[in-house]
């Protein structure tokens, strides 16, 4: 059985293989969401929210129906976007202002996607398991998002 960091390295290589030559950001978000949803254990929602007109708007995802719009600095996603930093929440019910789209979600990690010093989207992953996400998850997911940022920059597109 592979350790978590080795699993993320494999996922990183898969993201590079499926996304590096594709310039369409939405298509890449869709495939990255699907890959993560299928590859990670104990997750019930994986997807992107895009920053549009000073709010987060639902993008490609895997999982149950989700909130469509989230104000910046509200909930875990809006907070991560507003602070331009990854937020890991062991128990979403303890997070002040948490926006509950799925009552089955108990922990969450949100990683901002930053282009030219501006947050353009966030990757949001939910789990029904408390304390599901640790430092290894954060490192692995940030590496994936860093790769995706570089792919977007290479193709010269933002949204």
Protein backbone atom coordinates (compact mmCIF):
# COMPACT_ATOMS: atom_id res chain seq x y z
CA UNK A 1 0.00 0.00 0.00
CA UNK A 2 1.32 3.44 -1.00
CA UNK A 3 1.74 6.19 1.55
CA UNK A 4 -0.29 9.36 1.12
CA UNK A 5 2.53 11.48 -0.33
CA UNK A 6 3.29 8.80 -2.93
CA UNK A 7 -0.40 8.72 -3.86
CA UNK A 8 -0.38 12.49 -4.36
CA UNK A 9 2.75 12.22 -6.52
CA UNK A 10 0.90 9.74 -8.74
CA UNK A 11 -2.13 12.05 -8.93
CA UNK A 12 0.17 14.98 -9.76
CA UNK A 13 1.62 13.03 -12.69
CA UNK A 14 -1.90 12.16 -13.87
CA UNK A 15 -2.98 15.82 -13.67
CA UNK A 16 0.06 16.79 -15.72
CA UNK A 17 -0.74 14.13 -18.31
CA UNK A 18 -4.40 15.10 -18.73
CA UNK A 19 -4.12 18.89 -18.36
CA UNK A 20 -0.73 20.11 -19.57
CA UNK A 21 -1.66 20.36 -23.26
CA UNK A 22 -5.26 21.52 -22.72
CA UNK A 23 -5.79 25.29 -22.66
CA UNK A 24 -9.46 25.25 -21.58
CA UNK A 25 -9.51 26.00 -17.85
CA UNK A 26 -13.05 24.67 -17.31
CA UNK A 27 -12.25 21.37 -19.04
CA UNK A 28 -9.16 20.98 -16.87
CA UNK A 29 -11.12 21.82 -13.72
CA UNK A 30 -13.65 19.14 -14.67
CA UNK A 31 -11.00 16.47 -15.17
CA UNK A 32 -9.03 17.43 -12.06
CA UNK A 33 -12.24 17.27 -9.99
CA UNK A 34 -13.09 13.84 -11.39
CA UNK A 35 -9.56 12.52 -10.88
CA UNK A 36 -9.41 13.68 -7.27
CA UNK A 37 -12.91 12.42 -6.51
CA UNK A 38 -12.01 8.96 -7.82
CA UNK A 39 -8.51 8.88 -6.31
CA UNK A 40 -9.01 10.19 -2.78
CA UNK A 41 -10.62 8.05 -0.11
CA UNK A 42 -13.37 9.28 2.19
CA UNK A 43 -14.39 12.36 0.20
CA UNK A 44 -17.96 13.25 -0.75
CA UNK A 45 -17.43 16.44 -2.77
CA UNK A 46 -14.58 17.75 -4.92
CA UNK A 47 -14.80 20.81 -7.09
CA UNK A 48 -13.89 24.33 -8.00
CA UNK A 49 -15.46 27.67 -7.26
CA UNK A 50 -14.39 30.46 -9.62
CA UNK A 51 -13.99 34.09 -8.56
CA UNK A 52 -16.38 36.13 -10.68
CA UNK A 53 -17.56 39.67 -9.87
CA UNK A 54 -16.22 39.57 -6.31
CA UNK A 55 -17.93 36.31 -5.35
CA UNK A 56 -17.30 32.61 -5.76
CA UNK A 57 -19.38 30.90 -8.44
CA UNK A 58 -19.71 27.14 -8.70
CA UNK A 59 -17.50 25.52 -11.30
CA UNK A 60 -16.89 21.91 -12.31
CA UNK A 61 -17.35 19.41 -9.48
CA UNK A 62 -18.09 15.83 -8.44
CA UNK A 63 -20.65 15.12 -5.72
CA UNK A 64 -24.07 16.25 -4.62
CA UNK A 65 -25.74 19.46 -5.77
CA UNK A 66 -23.84 22.41 -4.30
CA UNK A 67 -24.21 26.04 -3.35
CA UNK A 68 -23.97 28.14 -6.52
CA UNK A 69 -22.69 31.45 -5.15
CA UNK A 70 -20.58 32.15 -2.07
CA UNK A 71 -19.58 35.67 -0.99
CA UNK A 72 -15.86 36.27 -0.60
CA UNK A 73 -14.76 35.94 3.04
CA UNK A 74 -17.84 33.81 3.90
CA UNK A 75 -17.64 30.14 4.78
CA UNK A 76 -14.49 28.07 4.33
CA UNK A 77 -14.29 28.67 0.56
CA UNK A 78 -14.82 32.40 0.80
CA UNK A 79 -12.34 32.66 3.68
CA UNK A 80 -9.65 30.77 1.76
CA UNK A 81 -10.25 32.99 -1.28
CA UNK A 82 -10.24 36.17 0.80
CA UNK A 83 -7.05 35.24 2.64
CA UNK A 84 -5.40 33.68 -0.45
CA UNK A 85 -4.29 30.71 1.64
CA UNK A 86 -5.24 27.09 2.18
CA UNK A 87 -7.67 26.39 4.98
CA UNK A 88 -8.08 22.96 6.57
CA UNK A 89 -11.06 22.45 8.85
CA UNK A 90 -11.15 19.33 11.05
CA UNK A 91 -14.80 19.90 12.03
CA UNK A 92 -16.83 22.23 9.81
CA UNK A 93 -19.50 22.52 12.51
CA UNK A 94 -16.94 24.42 14.63
CA UNK A 95 -16.07 26.85 11.81
CA UNK A 96 -17.81 30.16 12.38
CA UNK A 97 -19.92 31.04 9.34
CA UNK A 98 -19.62 27.60 7.72
CA UNK A 99 -21.97 27.26 4.74
CA UNK A 100 -23.53 23.81 4.80
CA UNK A 101 -24.27 22.64 1.27
CA UNK A 102 -24.23 18.94 2.26
CA UNK A 103 -25.20 17.94 5.79
CA UNK A 104 -22.99 14.84 5.45
CA UNK A 105 -19.79 16.91 5.22
CA UNK A 106 -17.82 17.09 8.45
CA UNK A 107 -14.34 18.23 7.39
CA UNK A 108 -13.04 20.33 4.52
CA UNK A 109 -9.94 21.63 2.79
CA UNK A 110 -9.90 24.59 0.42
CA UNK A 111 -6.88 25.51 -1.72
CA UNK A 112 -6.80 28.83 -3.60
CA UNK A 113 -5.72 28.95 -7.25
CA UNK A 114 -3.67 32.14 -7.68
CA UNK A 115 -2.65 33.70 -11.00
CA UNK A 116 -0.61 36.93 -11.07
CA UNK A 117 -1.12 37.42 -7.32
CA UNK A 118 -4.91 37.21 -7.71
CA UNK A 119 -7.15 34.38 -6.48
CA UNK A 120 -9.09 33.22 -9.55
CA UNK A 121 -10.64 30.06 -8.07
CA UNK A 122 -10.53 27.66 -5.15
CA UNK A 123 -10.40 23.88 -5.01
CA UNK A 124 -12.87 22.66 -2.38
CA UNK A 125 -12.88 19.12 -0.99
CA UNK A 126 -15.34 17.85 1.63
CA UNK A 127 -15.37 14.65 3.64
CA UNK A 128 -17.91 12.94 5.90
CA UNK A 129 -14.96 11.98 8.15
CA UNK A 130 -13.90 14.39 10.90
CA UNK A 131 -10.23 15.42 10.70
CA UNK A 132 -9.92 13.81 7.24
CA UNK A 133 -7.34 16.27 5.89
CA UNK A 134 -3.82 16.60 7.28
CA UNK A 135 -0.55 18.30 6.31
CA UNK A 136 0.19 15.60 3.71
CA UNK A 137 -3.16 16.30 2.03
CA UNK A 138 -2.46 20.02 2.11
CA UNK A 139 1.00 19.59 0.59
CA UNK A 140 -0.25 17.17 -2.08
CA UNK A 141 -3.21 19.34 -3.06
CA UNK A 142 -1.15 22.55 -3.07
CA UNK A 143 1.35 20.84 -5.40
CA UNK A 144 -1.51 19.89 -7.74
CA UNK A 145 -2.88 23.43 -7.70
CA UNK A 146 0.62 24.88 -8.28
CA UNK A 147 0.96 22.66 -11.33
CA UNK A 148 -2.48 23.75 -12.56
CA UNK A 149 -1.55 27.43 -12.05
CA UNK A 150 1.56 26.89 -14.18
CA UNK A 151 -0.50 25.17 -16.90
CA UNK A 152 -2.90 28.12 -16.96
CA UNK A 153 0.00 30.60 -17.16
CA UNK A 154 1.66 28.56 -19.93
CA UNK A 155 -1.50 28.79 -22.05
CA UNK A 156 -2.05 32.48 -21.21
CA UNK A 157 -5.64 32.07 -20.05
CA UNK A 158 -7.24 32.87 -16.72
CA UNK A 159 -11.00 32.13 -16.98
